[in-house]
Amino acid sequence: MNRIDRLHAILTHLQSKRKVTAQEMADRFNISLRTVYRDVKALDESGVPVIGEAGSGYTIMEGYRLPPVMFTQEEASALLLGAKLAEQFTDGSVKRHFHAALFKIKAVLRSPDKEYVESLTEHIEILSRYTPDSDSPQQYLSLLQQAIVHKKLVQMQYRSNLKEEVTRRKVEPIGLLHYGSAWHLIGWCHLRNDYRDFRLSRMLGLVLEETTFDPSAHPSIKEYIEQIRTEADLQEVLVLFDKRIVKFLQEQKYLNGFVSQEECESAVRMKFLVANLGYFSRWLLMYGDEVRVESPGELKTRMREIAEKCSAHHQSY
């Protein structure tokens, strides 16, 4: 990257966050801190109102903005892919805003780049087993994002999974997770006096309160995930898979706690961390005699018992 392009990229970076450290810019553009200081000084001398100094971070004076940014074809294509994924993995409240932003981005593209993106749009589709929760009467992702950022309490009516009862909850939201083909809110529940995992499709009503809460009283979403992983009673499992079927495992191995693998003579040894041996044993049985458990012994016993029950069940007909 030549210096002119780098200065433009640094200016864009400075406008993307409230404060940017010199080290952050050095890491992103693979330059020395000394070069960062020179570039920031050059921007300042050219009339860009840079506030801050080395050691404390830099920001741009409020109100100063670049003219519309010109995107490259590669950048516009990346945003197009993001839009395609947003259609699959977000709800209507987010899709609407994403598409509005994408129209603004297309508006500043040069004519050849607009044609490039339009042509590419017709040739990209995302196939997924995931379908957005259709049983939820409302779309809450956008509202919950606001609650998380502004530290606002939310009131919700929530339908539990096991008892199918509807309760009214007051929650201090700490983050959103996407797993198991659904979005989940993690937050401190005043009713249960503990952290709870709320699936968005089970929310029957949601109101953003004006009352704020103290975020320092809660872990970050990353800290919460690490804490759950630490507290979970996970068992290490070693399994040998025939090399012929390894390619068919795909994402299933990750959903079942995959950690690592190593090549053997005619098989692949995989290590898993498993919370439920019963569920894991039934998944392994899908692969019949092309899988063999090395450890633990309890898992071998479970698989043998299930196989014997299955055999007896079918012999009874």
C-alpha atoms as a PDB file:
ATOM      1  CA  MET A   1       0.000   0.000   0.000  1.00  0.00           C
ATOM      2  CA  ASN A   2       1.455   3.368  -1.000  1.00  0.00           C
ATOM      3  CA  ARG A   3       1.382   6.268   1.442  1.00  0.00           C
ATOM      4  CA  ILE A   4      -1.567   8.094  -0.148  1.00  0.00           C
ATOM      5  CA  ASP A   5      -3.752   4.985   0.060  1.00  0.00           C
ATOM      6  CA  ARG A   6      -2.551   4.329   3.602  1.00  0.00           C
ATOM      7  CA  LEU A   7      -3.382   7.879   4.744  1.00  0.00           C
ATOM      8  CA  HIS A   8      -6.871   7.497   3.300  1.00  0.00           C
ATOM      9  CA  ALA A   9      -7.281   4.100   5.016  1.00  0.00           C
ATOM     10  CA  ILE A  10      -6.055   5.517   8.354  1.00  0.00           C
ATOM     11  CA  LEU A  11      -8.563   8.378   8.090  1.00  0.00           C
ATOM     12  CA  THR A  12     -11.356   5.894   7.417  1.00  0.00           C
ATOM     13  CA  HIS A  13     -10.204   3.806  10.397  1.00  0.00           C
ATOM     14  CA  LEU A  14     -10.182   6.875  12.664  1.00  0.00           C
ATOM     15  CA  GLN A  15     -13.790   7.619  11.713  1.00  0.00           C
ATOM     16  CA  SER A  16     -14.913   4.036  12.368  1.00  0.00           C
ATOM     17  CA  LYS A  17     -14.378   4.113  16.165  1.00  0.00           C
ATOM     18  CA  ARG A  18     -14.622   6.546  19.051  1.00  0.00           C
ATOM     19  CA  LYS A  19     -10.899   6.231  19.794  1.00  0.00           C
ATOM     20  CA  VAL A  20      -8.097   4.397  17.984  1.00  0.00           C
ATOM     21  CA  THR A  21      -4.670   3.678  19.464  1.00  0.00           C
ATOM     22  CA  ALA A  22      -1.445   4.001  17.523  1.00  0.00           C
ATOM     23  CA  GLN A  23      -0.672   0.334  18.193  1.00  0.00           C
ATOM     24  CA  GLU A  24      -4.003  -0.707  16.685  1.00  0.00           C
ATOM     25  CA  MET A  25      -3.203   1.164  13.473  1.00  0.00           C
ATOM     26  CA  ALA A  26       0.331  -0.209  13.399  1.00  0.00           C
ATOM     27  CA  ASP A  27      -1.011  -3.767  13.674  1.00  0.00           C
ATOM     28  CA  ARG A  28      -3.678  -3.280  11.019  1.00  0.00           C
ATOM     29  CA  PHE A  29      -1.430  -1.684   8.401  1.00  0.00           C
ATOM     30  CA  ASN A  30       1.721  -3.594   9.356  1.00  0.00           C
ATOM     31  CA  ILE A  31       3.769  -0.447   9.948  1.00  0.00           C
ATOM     32  CA  SER A  32       5.885   0.840  12.825  1.00  0.00           C
ATOM     33  CA  LEU A  33       4.594   3.153  15.543  1.00  0.00           C
ATOM     34  CA  ARG A  34       6.966   5.824  14.257  1.00  0.00           C
ATOM     35  CA  THR A  35       5.292   5.634  10.834  1.00  0.00           C
ATOM     36  CA  VAL A  36       1.861   5.891  12.472  1.00  0.00           C
ATOM     37  CA  TYR A  37       2.910   9.087  14.274  1.00  0.00           C
ATOM     38  CA  ARG A  38       4.214  10.568  11.025  1.00  0.00           C
ATOM     39  CA  ASP A  39       1.029   9.682   9.133  1.00  0.00           C
ATOM     40  CA  VAL A  40      -1.243  11.118  11.825  1.00  0.00           C
ATOM     41  CA  LYS A  41       0.814  14.307  11.830  1.00  0.00           C
ATOM     42  CA  ALA A  42       0.509  14.486   8.032  1.00  0.00           C
ATOM     43  CA  LEU A  43      -3.292  14.206   8.296  1.00  0.00           C
ATOM     44  CA  ASP A  44      -3.367  16.923  10.939  1.00  0.00           C
ATOM     45  CA  GLU A  45      -1.217  19.245   8.831  1.00  0.00           C
ATOM     46  CA  SER A  46      -3.505  18.665   5.824  1.00  0.00           C
ATOM     47  CA  GLY A  47      -6.494  20.018   7.750  1.00  0.00           C
ATOM     48  CA  VAL A  48      -8.015  16.873   9.244  1.00  0.00           C
ATOM     49  CA  PRO A  49      -8.996  17.686  12.879  1.00  0.00           C
ATOM     50  CA  VAL A  50      -7.253  14.810  14.675  1.00  0.00           C
ATOM     51  CA  ILE A  51      -7.624  14.954  18.467  1.00  0.00           C
ATOM     52  CA  GLY A  52      -5.327  13.087  20.848  1.00  0.00           C
ATOM     53  CA  GLU A  53      -1.697  12.173  21.077  1.00  0.00           C
ATOM     54  CA  ALA A  54       0.690   9.238  21.156  1.00  0.00           C
ATOM     55  CA  GLY A  55      -0.043   7.002  24.130  1.00  0.00           C
ATOM     56  CA  SER A  56      -3.661   8.049  24.682  1.00  0.00           C
ATOM     57  CA  GLY A  57      -5.231   7.292  21.316  1.00  0.00           C
ATOM     58  CA  TYR A  58      -6.654   9.378  18.496  1.00  0.00           C
ATOM     59  CA  THR A  59     -10.110  10.457  17.419  1.00  0.00           C
ATOM     60  CA  ILE A  60     -11.621  12.774  14.798  1.00  0.00           C
ATOM     61  CA  MET A  61     -13.418  15.944  15.866  1.00  0.00           C
ATOM     62  CA  GLU A  62     -17.183  15.371  15.976  1.00  0.00           C
ATOM     63  CA  GLY A  63     -18.889  16.575  12.811  1.00  0.00           C
ATOM     64  CA  TYR A  64     -15.975  15.978  10.457  1.00  0.00           C
ATOM     65  CA  ARG A  65     -16.697  13.389   7.802  1.00  0.00           C
ATOM     66  CA  LEU A  66     -15.105  12.220   4.586  1.00  0.00           C
ATOM     67  CA  PRO A  67     -16.995  12.637   1.334  1.00  0.00           C
ATOM     68  CA  PRO A  68     -18.746   9.388   0.238  1.00  0.00           C
ATOM     69  CA  VAL A  69     -16.207   6.562   0.319  1.00  0.00           C
ATOM     70  CA  MET A  70     -15.448   4.805  -2.960  1.00  0.00           C
ATOM     71  CA  PHE A  71     -15.522   1.044  -2.544  1.00  0.00           C
ATOM     72  CA  THR A  72     -13.476  -1.355  -4.608  1.00  0.00           C
ATOM     73  CA  GLN A  73     -15.154  -4.219  -6.452  1.00  0.00           C
ATOM     74  CA  GLU A  74     -13.736  -6.660  -3.913  1.00  0.00           C
ATOM     75  CA  GLU A  75     -15.117  -4.656  -0.954  1.00  0.00           C
ATOM     76  CA  ALA A  76     -18.542  -4.313  -2.580  1.00  0.00           C
ATOM     77  CA  SER A  77     -18.562  -8.053  -3.341  1.00  0.00           C
ATOM     78  CA  ALA A  78     -17.739  -8.850   0.293  1.00  0.00           C
ATOM     79  CA  LEU A  79     -20.670  -6.698   1.441  1.00  0.00           C
ATOM     80  CA  LEU A  80     -22.929  -8.478  -1.033  1.00  0.00           C
ATOM     81  CA  LEU A  81     -21.972 -11.822   0.512  1.00  0.00           C
ATOM     82  CA  GLY A  82     -22.740 -10.336   3.922  1.00  0.00           C
ATOM     83  CA  ALA A  83     -26.204  -9.377   2.695  1.00  0.00           C
ATOM     84  CA  LYS A  84     -26.839 -12.902   1.420  1.00  0.00           C
ATOM     85  CA  LEU A  85     -25.856 -14.341   4.802  1.00  0.00           C
ATOM     86  CA  ALA A  86     -27.985 -11.747   6.625  1.00  0.00           C
ATOM     87  CA  GLU A  87     -31.010 -13.017   4.724  1.00  0.00           C
ATOM     88  CA  GLN A  88     -30.432 -16.488   6.156  1.00  0.00           C
ATOM     89  CA  PHE A  89     -29.297 -15.834   9.710  1.00  0.00           C
ATOM     90  CA  THR A  90     -31.101 -12.698  10.914  1.00  0.00           C
ATOM     91  CA  ASP A  91     -34.714 -11.657  11.396  1.00  0.00           C
ATOM     92  CA  GLY A  92     -36.754  -9.022   9.612  1.00  0.00           C
ATOM     93  CA  SER A  93     -35.736  -6.187  11.949  1.00  0.00           C
ATOM     94  CA  VAL A  94     -32.059  -6.570  10.961  1.00  0.00           C
ATOM     95  CA  LYS A  95     -32.610  -7.468   7.296  1.00  0.00           C
ATOM     96  CA  ARG A  96     -34.490  -4.214   6.724  1.00  0.00           C
ATOM     97  CA  HIS A  97     -31.638  -2.073   8.047  1.00  0.00           C
ATOM     98  CA  PHE A  98     -28.965  -4.147   6.292  1.00  0.00           C
ATOM     99  CA  HIS A  99     -30.635  -3.788   2.901  1.00  0.00           C
ATOM    100  CA  ALA A 100     -31.120  -0.037   3.445  1.00  0.00           C
ATOM    101  CA  ALA A 101     -27.394   0.292   4.177  1.00  0.00           C
ATOM    102  CA  LEU A 102     -26.528  -1.794   1.125  1.00  0.00           C
ATOM    103  CA  PHE A 103     -28.545   0.525  -1.135  1.00  0.00           C
ATOM    104  CA  LYS A 104     -26.563   3.508   0.196  1.00  0.00           C
ATOM    105  CA  ILE A 105     -23.323   1.659  -0.489  1.00  0.00           C
ATOM    106  CA  LYS A 106     -24.401   0.843  -4.050  1.00  0.00           C
ATOM    107  CA  ALA A 107     -25.251   4.503  -4.573  1.00  0.00           C
ATOM    108  CA  VAL A 108     -21.600   5.562  -4.248  1.00  0.00           C
ATOM    109  CA  LEU A 109     -20.207   2.862  -6.527  1.00  0.00           C
ATOM    110  CA  ARG A 110     -18.887   3.748  -9.949  1.00  0.00           C
ATOM    111  CA  SER A 111     -21.041   2.571 -12.863  1.00  0.00           C
ATOM    112  CA  PRO A 112     -18.771  -0.380 -13.820  1.00  0.00           C
ATOM    113  CA  ASP A 113     -18.719  -1.522 -10.188  1.00  0.00           C
ATOM    114  CA  LYS A 114     -22.519  -1.274  -9.935  1.00  0.00           C
ATOM    115  CA  GLU A 115     -22.842  -3.515 -12.985  1.00  0.00           C
ATOM    116  CA  TYR A 116     -20.303  -5.923 -11.494  1.00  0.00           C
ATOM    117  CA  VAL A 117     -22.239  -6.201  -8.208  1.00  0.00           C
ATOM    118  CA  GLU A 118     -25.618  -6.538  -9.941  1.00  0.00           C
ATOM    119  CA  SER A 119     -24.289  -9.322 -12.131  1.00  0.00           C
ATOM    120  CA  LEU A 120     -22.745 -11.103  -9.161  1.00  0.00           C
ATOM    121  CA  THR A 121     -25.998 -10.865  -7.182  1.00  0.00           C
ATOM    122  CA  GLU A 122     -27.749 -13.094  -9.706  1.00  0.00           C
ATOM    123  CA  HIS A 123     -25.105 -15.807  -9.369  1.00  0.00           C
ATOM    124  CA  ILE A 124     -24.866 -16.238  -5.581  1.00  0.00           C
ATOM    125  CA  GLU A 125     -27.288 -18.115  -3.342  1.00  0.00           C
ATOM    126  CA  ILE A 126     -26.909 -19.409   0.210  1.00  0.00           C
ATOM    127  CA  LEU A 127     -28.314 -22.874   0.881  1.00  0.00           C
ATOM    128  CA  SER A 128     -28.789 -23.689   4.548  1.00  0.00           C
ATOM    129  CA  ARG A 129     -30.807 -25.981   6.767  1.00  0.00           C
ATOM    130  CA  TYR A 130     -31.388 -22.981   8.984  1.00  0.00           C
ATOM    131  CA  THR A 131     -34.751 -21.254   8.678  1.00  0.00           C
ATOM    132  CA  PRO A 132     -35.520 -18.157  10.766  1.00  0.00           C
ATOM    133  CA  ASP A 133     -37.883 -18.811  13.652  1.00  0.00           C
ATOM    134  CA  SER A 134     -41.314 -18.496  12.121  1.00  0.00           C
ATOM    135  CA  ASP A 135     -43.335 -19.162  15.269  1.00  0.00           C
ATOM    136  CA  SER A 136     -42.237 -15.895  16.904  1.00  0.00           C
ATOM    137  CA  PRO A 137     -44.944 -13.228  16.589  1.00  0.00           C
ATOM    138  CA  GLN A 138     -42.373 -10.418  16.509  1.00  0.00           C
ATOM    139  CA  GLN A 139     -38.823  -9.756  15.328  1.00  0.00           C
ATOM    140  CA  TYR A 140     -36.647  -8.698  18.248  1.00  0.00           C
ATOM    141  CA  LEU A 141     -32.985  -8.747  17.166  1.00  0.00           C
ATOM    142  CA  SER A 142     -32.747  -5.038  16.426  1.00  0.00           C
ATOM    143  CA  LEU A 143     -34.504  -4.018  19.665  1.00  0.00           C
ATOM    144  CA  LEU A 144     -32.300  -6.306  21.755  1.00  0.00           C
ATOM    145  CA  GLN A 145     -29.171  -4.848  20.172  1.00  0.00           C
ATOM    146  CA  GLN A 146     -30.300  -1.421  21.353  1.00  0.00           C
ATOM    147  CA  ALA A 147     -30.939  -2.755  24.859  1.00  0.00           C
ATOM    148  CA  ILE A 148     -27.459  -4.294  25.049  1.00  0.00           C
ATOM    149  CA  VAL A 149     -25.643  -1.175  23.835  1.00  0.00           C
ATOM    150  CA  HIS A 150     -27.625   1.291  25.975  1.00  0.00           C
ATOM    151  CA  LYS A 151     -27.704  -1.004  29.048  1.00  0.00           C
ATOM    152  CA  LYS A 152     -31.513  -0.949  29.232  1.00  0.00           C
ATOM    153  CA  LEU A 153     -33.654  -3.503  31.051  1.00  0.00           C
ATOM    154  CA  VAL A 154     -36.167  -5.433  28.964  1.00  0.00           C
ATOM    155  CA  GLN A 155     -39.568  -6.768  29.965  1.00  0.00           C
ATOM    156  CA  MET A 156     -40.686  -9.904  28.182  1.00  0.00           C
ATOM    157  CA  GLN A 157     -43.344 -12.569  28.151  1.00  0.00           C
ATOM    158  CA  TYR A 158     -41.534 -15.868  27.717  1.00  0.00           C
ATOM    159  CA  ARG A 159     -42.801 -19.370  26.942  1.00  0.00           C
ATOM    160  CA  SER A 160     -40.628 -22.016  28.625  1.00  0.00           C
ATOM    161  CA  ASN A 161     -39.438 -25.047  26.691  1.00  0.00           C
ATOM    162  CA  LEU A 162     -40.297 -27.846  29.123  1.00  0.00           C
ATOM    163  CA  LYS A 163     -43.506 -26.795  30.899  1.00  0.00           C
ATOM    164  CA  GLU A 164     -44.804 -24.613  28.045  1.00  0.00           C
ATOM    165  CA  GLU A 165     -45.817 -22.053  30.689  1.00  0.00           C
ATOM    166  CA  VAL A 166     -45.742 -18.312  29.979  1.00  0.00           C
ATOM    167  CA  THR A 167     -43.995 -16.087  32.511  1.00  0.00           C
ATOM    168  CA  ARG A 168     -43.232 -12.378  32.675  1.00  0.00           C
ATOM    169  CA  ARG A 169     -39.503 -11.674  32.966  1.00  0.00           C
ATOM    170  CA  LYS A 170     -37.402  -8.588  33.666  1.00  0.00           C
ATOM    171  CA  VAL A 171     -33.927  -9.115  32.202  1.00  0.00           C
ATOM    172  CA  GLU A 172     -30.585  -7.298  32.142  1.00  0.00           C
ATOM    173  CA  PRO A 173     -29.216  -8.313  28.703  1.00  0.00           C
ATOM    174  CA  ILE A 174     -25.489  -8.985  28.322  1.00  0.00           C
ATOM    175  CA  GLY A 175     -25.285 -10.434  24.808  1.00  0.00           C
ATOM    176  CA  LEU A 176     -26.708 -12.376  21.883  1.00  0.00           C
ATOM    177  CA  LEU A 177     -25.646 -15.866  20.775  1.00  0.00           C
ATOM    178  CA  HIS A 178     -26.484 -17.821  17.647  1.00  0.00           C
ATOM    179  CA  TYR A 179     -26.348 -21.589  18.018  1.00  0.00           C
ATOM    180  CA  GLY A 180     -28.578 -24.565  17.321  1.00  0.00           C
ATOM    181  CA  SER A 181     -30.085 -22.743  14.315  1.00  0.00           C
ATOM    182  CA  ALA A 182     -31.554 -19.998  16.502  1.00  0.00           C
ATOM    183  CA  TRP A 183     -30.752 -16.687  18.194  1.00  0.00           C
ATOM    184  CA  HIS A 184     -30.551 -16.593  21.994  1.00  0.00           C
ATOM    185  CA  LEU A 185     -30.434 -13.726  24.504  1.00  0.00           C
ATOM    186  CA  ILE A 186     -28.147 -14.168  27.511  1.00  0.00           C
ATOM    187  CA  GLY A 187     -29.113 -12.025  30.478  1.00  0.00           C
ATOM    188  CA  TRP A 188     -29.625 -11.722  34.224  1.00  0.00           C
ATOM    189  CA  CYS A 189     -33.204 -12.748  34.995  1.00  0.00           C
ATOM    190  CA  HIS A 190     -34.773 -10.943  37.974  1.00  0.00           C
ATOM    191  CA  LEU A 191     -37.422 -13.663  38.325  1.00  0.00           C
ATOM    192  CA  ARG A 192     -34.908 -16.533  38.623  1.00  0.00           C
ATOM    193  CA  ASN A 193     -32.162 -14.392  40.218  1.00  0.00           C
ATOM    194  CA  ASP A 194     -29.585 -15.952  37.893  1.00  0.00           C
ATOM    195  CA  TYR A 195     -28.282 -15.832  34.320  1.00  0.00           C
ATOM    196  CA  ARG A 196     -30.625 -17.386  31.793  1.00  0.00           C
ATOM    197  CA  ASP A 197     -30.570 -18.316  28.108  1.00  0.00           C
ATOM    198  CA  PHE A 198     -33.694 -17.081  26.278  1.00  0.00           C
ATOM    199  CA  ARG A 199     -34.493 -18.311  22.782  1.00  0.00           C
ATOM    200  CA  LEU A 200     -35.921 -15.439  20.745  1.00  0.00           C
ATOM    201  CA  SER A 201     -38.605 -17.607  19.133  1.00  0.00           C
ATOM    202  CA  ARG A 202     -40.105 -18.180  22.594  1.00  0.00           C
ATOM    203  CA  MET A 203     -40.504 -14.471  23.321  1.00  0.00           C
ATOM    204  CA  LEU A 204     -44.179 -13.545  23.093  1.00  0.00           C
ATOM    205  CA  GLY A 205     -43.743  -9.860  23.866  1.00  0.00           C
ATOM    206  CA  LEU A 206     -40.787  -7.534  24.454  1.00  0.00           C
ATOM    207  CA  VAL A 207     -40.611  -3.971  25.804  1.00  0.00           C
ATOM    208  CA  LEU A 208     -37.478  -1.866  26.176  1.00  0.00           C
ATOM    209  CA  GLU A 209     -37.547  -0.048  29.530  1.00  0.00           C
ATOM    210  CA  GLU A 210     -36.060   3.363  30.274  1.00  0.00           C
ATOM    211  CA  THR A 211     -34.338   1.941  33.377  1.00  0.00           C
ATOM    212  CA  THR A 212     -30.632   1.239  32.936  1.00  0.00           C
ATOM    213  CA  PHE A 213     -28.443  -1.295  34.751  1.00  0.00           C
ATOM    214  CA  ASP A 214     -24.785  -1.416  35.779  1.00  0.00           C
ATOM    215  CA  PRO A 215     -22.866  -3.457  33.156  1.00  0.00           C
ATOM    216  CA  SER A 216     -19.865  -3.880  35.485  1.00  0.00           C
ATOM    217  CA  ALA A 217     -21.985  -6.249  37.587  1.00  0.00           C
ATOM    218  CA  HIS A 218     -22.022  -8.787  34.755  1.00  0.00           C
ATOM    219  CA  PRO A 219     -19.451 -10.686  32.703  1.00  0.00           C
ATOM    220  CA  SER A 220     -19.028  -9.932  29.018  1.00  0.00           C
ATOM    221  CA  ILE A 221     -20.623 -12.391  26.620  1.00  0.00           C
ATOM    222  CA  LYS A 222     -17.175 -13.899  25.921  1.00  0.00           C
ATOM    223  CA  GLU A 223     -16.479 -14.284  29.643  1.00  0.00           C
ATOM    224  CA  TYR A 224     -19.892 -15.893  30.117  1.00  0.00           C
ATOM    225  CA  ILE A 225     -19.201 -18.453  27.381  1.00  0.00           C
ATOM    226  CA  GLU A 226     -15.795 -19.302  28.863  1.00  0.00           C
ATOM    227  CA  GLN A 227     -17.354 -19.669  32.306  1.00  0.00           C
ATOM    228  CA  ILE A 228     -19.986 -22.071  30.973  1.00  0.00           C
ATOM    229  CA  ARG A 229     -17.319 -24.114  29.232  1.00  0.00           C
ATOM    230  CA  THR A 230     -15.238 -24.264  32.413  1.00  0.00           C
ATOM    231  CA  GLU A 231     -18.155 -25.295  34.613  1.00  0.00           C
ATOM    232  CA  ALA A 232     -19.481 -27.903  32.197  1.00  0.00           C
ATOM    233  CA  ASP A 233     -18.653 -31.486  33.167  1.00  0.00           C
ATOM    234  CA  LEU A 234     -16.960 -32.480  29.922  1.00  0.00           C
ATOM    235  CA  GLN A 235     -15.401 -35.862  29.242  1.00  0.00           C
ATOM    236  CA  GLU A 236     -12.587 -36.464  26.799  1.00  0.00           C
ATOM    237  CA  VAL A 237     -13.439 -39.017  24.105  1.00  0.00           C
ATOM    238  CA  LEU A 238     -11.095 -40.629  21.576  1.00  0.00           C
ATOM    239  CA  VAL A 239     -12.671 -42.144  18.474  1.00  0.00           C
ATOM    240  CA  LEU A 240     -11.233 -43.802  15.364  1.00  0.00           C
ATOM    241  CA  PHE A 241     -13.086 -43.043  12.114  1.00  0.00           C
ATOM    242  CA  ASP A 242     -12.443 -44.909   8.878  1.00  0.00           C
ATOM    243  CA  LYS A 243     -10.769 -42.494   6.470  1.00  0.00           C
ATOM    244  CA  ARG A 244     -13.473 -43.140   3.878  1.00  0.00           C
ATOM    245  CA  ILE A 245     -16.173 -41.463   5.959  1.00  0.00           C
ATOM    246  CA  VAL A 246     -14.255 -38.553   7.497  1.00  0.00           C
ATOM    247  CA  LYS A 247     -15.278 -36.231   4.656  1.00  0.00           C
ATOM    248  CA  PHE A 248     -18.935 -36.891   5.474  1.00  0.00           C
ATOM    249  CA  LEU A 249     -18.661 -35.677   9.072  1.00  0.00           C
ATOM    250  CA  GLN A 250     -18.455 -32.029   8.011  1.00  0.00           C
ATOM    251  CA  GLU A 251     -19.996 -29.637  10.571  1.00  0.00           C
ATOM    252  CA  GLN A 252     -21.474 -32.506  12.599  1.00  0.00           C
ATOM    253  CA  LYS A 253     -18.176 -33.147  14.323  1.00  0.00           C
ATOM    254  CA  TYR A 254     -18.017 -29.539  15.527  1.00  0.00           C
ATOM    255  CA  LEU A 255     -21.575 -29.712  16.867  1.00  0.00           C
ATOM    256  CA  ASN A 256     -20.523 -32.758  18.892  1.00  0.00           C
ATOM    257  CA  GLY A 257     -17.482 -31.246  20.626  1.00  0.00           C
ATOM    258  CA  PHE A 258     -14.641 -31.856  18.159  1.00  0.00           C
ATOM    259  CA  VAL A 259     -11.229 -30.727  19.461  1.00  0.00           C
ATOM    260  CA  SER A 260      -8.489 -32.187  17.232  1.00  0.00           C
ATOM    261  CA  GLN A 261      -7.520 -35.093  14.971  1.00  0.00           C
ATOM    262  CA  GLU A 262      -4.485 -37.064  13.833  1.00  0.00           C
ATOM    263  CA  GLU A 263      -3.870 -39.397  10.898  1.00  0.00           C
ATOM    264  CA  CYS A 264      -3.357 -43.099  11.588  1.00  0.00           C
ATOM    265  CA  GLU A 265      -2.573 -45.889   9.138  1.00  0.00           C
ATOM    266  CA  SER A 266      -6.119 -46.584   7.976  1.00  0.00           C
ATOM    267  CA  ALA A 267      -8.169 -44.291  10.200  1.00  0.00           C
ATOM    268  CA  VAL A 268      -8.355 -40.809  11.682  1.00  0.00           C
ATOM    269  CA  ARG A 269      -8.236 -40.472  15.466  1.00  0.00           C
ATOM    270  CA  MET A 270     -10.439 -37.626  16.708  1.00  0.00           C
ATOM    271  CA  LYS A 271     -10.626 -36.084  20.137  1.00  0.00           C
ATOM    272  CA  PHE A 272     -13.942 -34.727  21.469  1.00  0.00           C
ATOM    273  CA  LEU A 273     -15.032 -33.025  24.676  1.00  0.00           C
ATOM    274  CA  VAL A 274     -18.487 -34.385  25.446  1.00  0.00           C
ATOM    275  CA  ALA A 275     -21.096 -33.337  28.007  1.00  0.00           C
ATOM    276  CA  ASN A 276     -23.600 -36.158  27.337  1.00  0.00           C
ATOM    277  CA  LEU A 277     -22.234 -39.611  26.509  1.00  0.00           C
ATOM    278  CA  GLY A 278     -25.698 -40.966  25.803  1.00  0.00           C
ATOM    279  CA  TYR A 279     -26.387 -38.439  23.054  1.00  0.00           C
ATOM    280  CA  PHE A 280     -22.845 -38.767  21.689  1.00  0.00           C
ATOM    281  CA  SER A 281     -23.053 -42.575  21.527  1.00  0.00           C
ATOM    282  CA  ARG A 282     -26.235 -42.400  19.427  1.00  0.00           C
ATOM    283  CA  TRP A 283     -24.533 -39.990  17.023  1.00  0.00           C
ATOM    284  CA  LEU A 284     -21.585 -42.397  16.631  1.00  0.00           C
ATOM    285  CA  LEU A 285     -23.910 -45.308  15.900  1.00  0.00           C
ATOM    286  CA  MET A 286     -24.905 -43.527  12.684  1.00  0.00           C
ATOM    287  CA  TYR A 287     -21.540 -44.617  11.278  1.00  0.00           C
ATOM    288  CA  GLY A 288     -21.935 -48.301  12.135  1.00  0.00           C
ATOM    289  CA  ASP A 289     -18.792 -50.441  11.872  1.00  0.00           C
ATOM    290  CA  GLU A 290     -16.768 -47.570  10.379  1.00  0.00           C
ATOM    291  CA  VAL A 291     -16.189 -46.044  13.805  1.00  0.00           C
ATOM    292  CA  ARG A 292     -14.481 -47.449  16.899  1.00  0.00           C
ATOM    293  CA  VAL A 293     -14.291 -45.946  20.393  1.00  0.00           C
ATOM    294  CA  GLU A 294     -10.877 -45.998  22.060  1.00  0.00           C
ATOM    295  CA  SER A 295     -11.929 -44.306  25.308  1.00  0.00           C
ATOM    296  CA  PRO A 296     -13.607 -43.980  27.718  1.00  0.00           C
ATOM    297  CA  GLY A 297     -14.809 -47.475  28.567  1.00  0.00           C
ATOM    298  CA  GLU A 298     -18.208 -46.137  29.649  1.00  0.00           C
ATOM    299  CA  LEU A 299     -18.882 -44.948  26.099  1.00  0.00           C
ATOM    300  CA  LYS A 300     -18.018 -48.405  24.687  1.00  0.00           C
ATOM    301  CA  THR A 301     -20.501 -49.960  27.109  1.00  0.00           C
ATOM    302  CA  ARG A 302     -23.247 -47.485  26.207  1.00  0.00           C
ATOM    303  CA  MET A 303     -22.831 -48.118  22.479  1.00  0.00           C
ATOM    304  CA  ARG A 304     -22.899 -51.897  22.964  1.00  0.00           C
ATOM    305  CA  GLU A 305     -26.062 -51.701  25.087  1.00  0.00           C
ATOM    306  CA  ILE A 306     -27.857 -49.474  22.560  1.00  0.00           C
ATOM    307  CA  ALA A 307     -26.857 -51.756  19.675  1.00  0.00           C
ATOM    308  CA  GLU A 308     -28.117 -54.847  21.568  1.00  0.00           C
ATOM    309  CA  LYS A 309     -31.434 -53.165  22.402  1.00  0.00           C
ATOM    310  CA  CYS A 310     -31.841 -52.097  18.793  1.00  0.00           C
ATOM    311  CA  SER A 311     -31.151 -55.639  17.574  1.00  0.00           C
ATOM    312  CA  ALA A 312     -33.619 -57.156  20.060  1.00  0.00           C
ATOM    313  CA  HIS A 313     -36.223 -54.563  19.117  1.00  0.00           C
ATOM    314  CA  HIS A 314     -36.134 -55.465  15.441  1.00  0.00           C
ATOM    315  CA  GLN A 315     -36.035 -59.209  16.085  1.00  0.00           C
ATOM    316  CA  SER A 316     -39.326 -58.960  17.933  1.00  0.00           C
ATOM    317  CA  TYR A 317     -41.190 -58.144  14.706  1.00  0.00           C
END
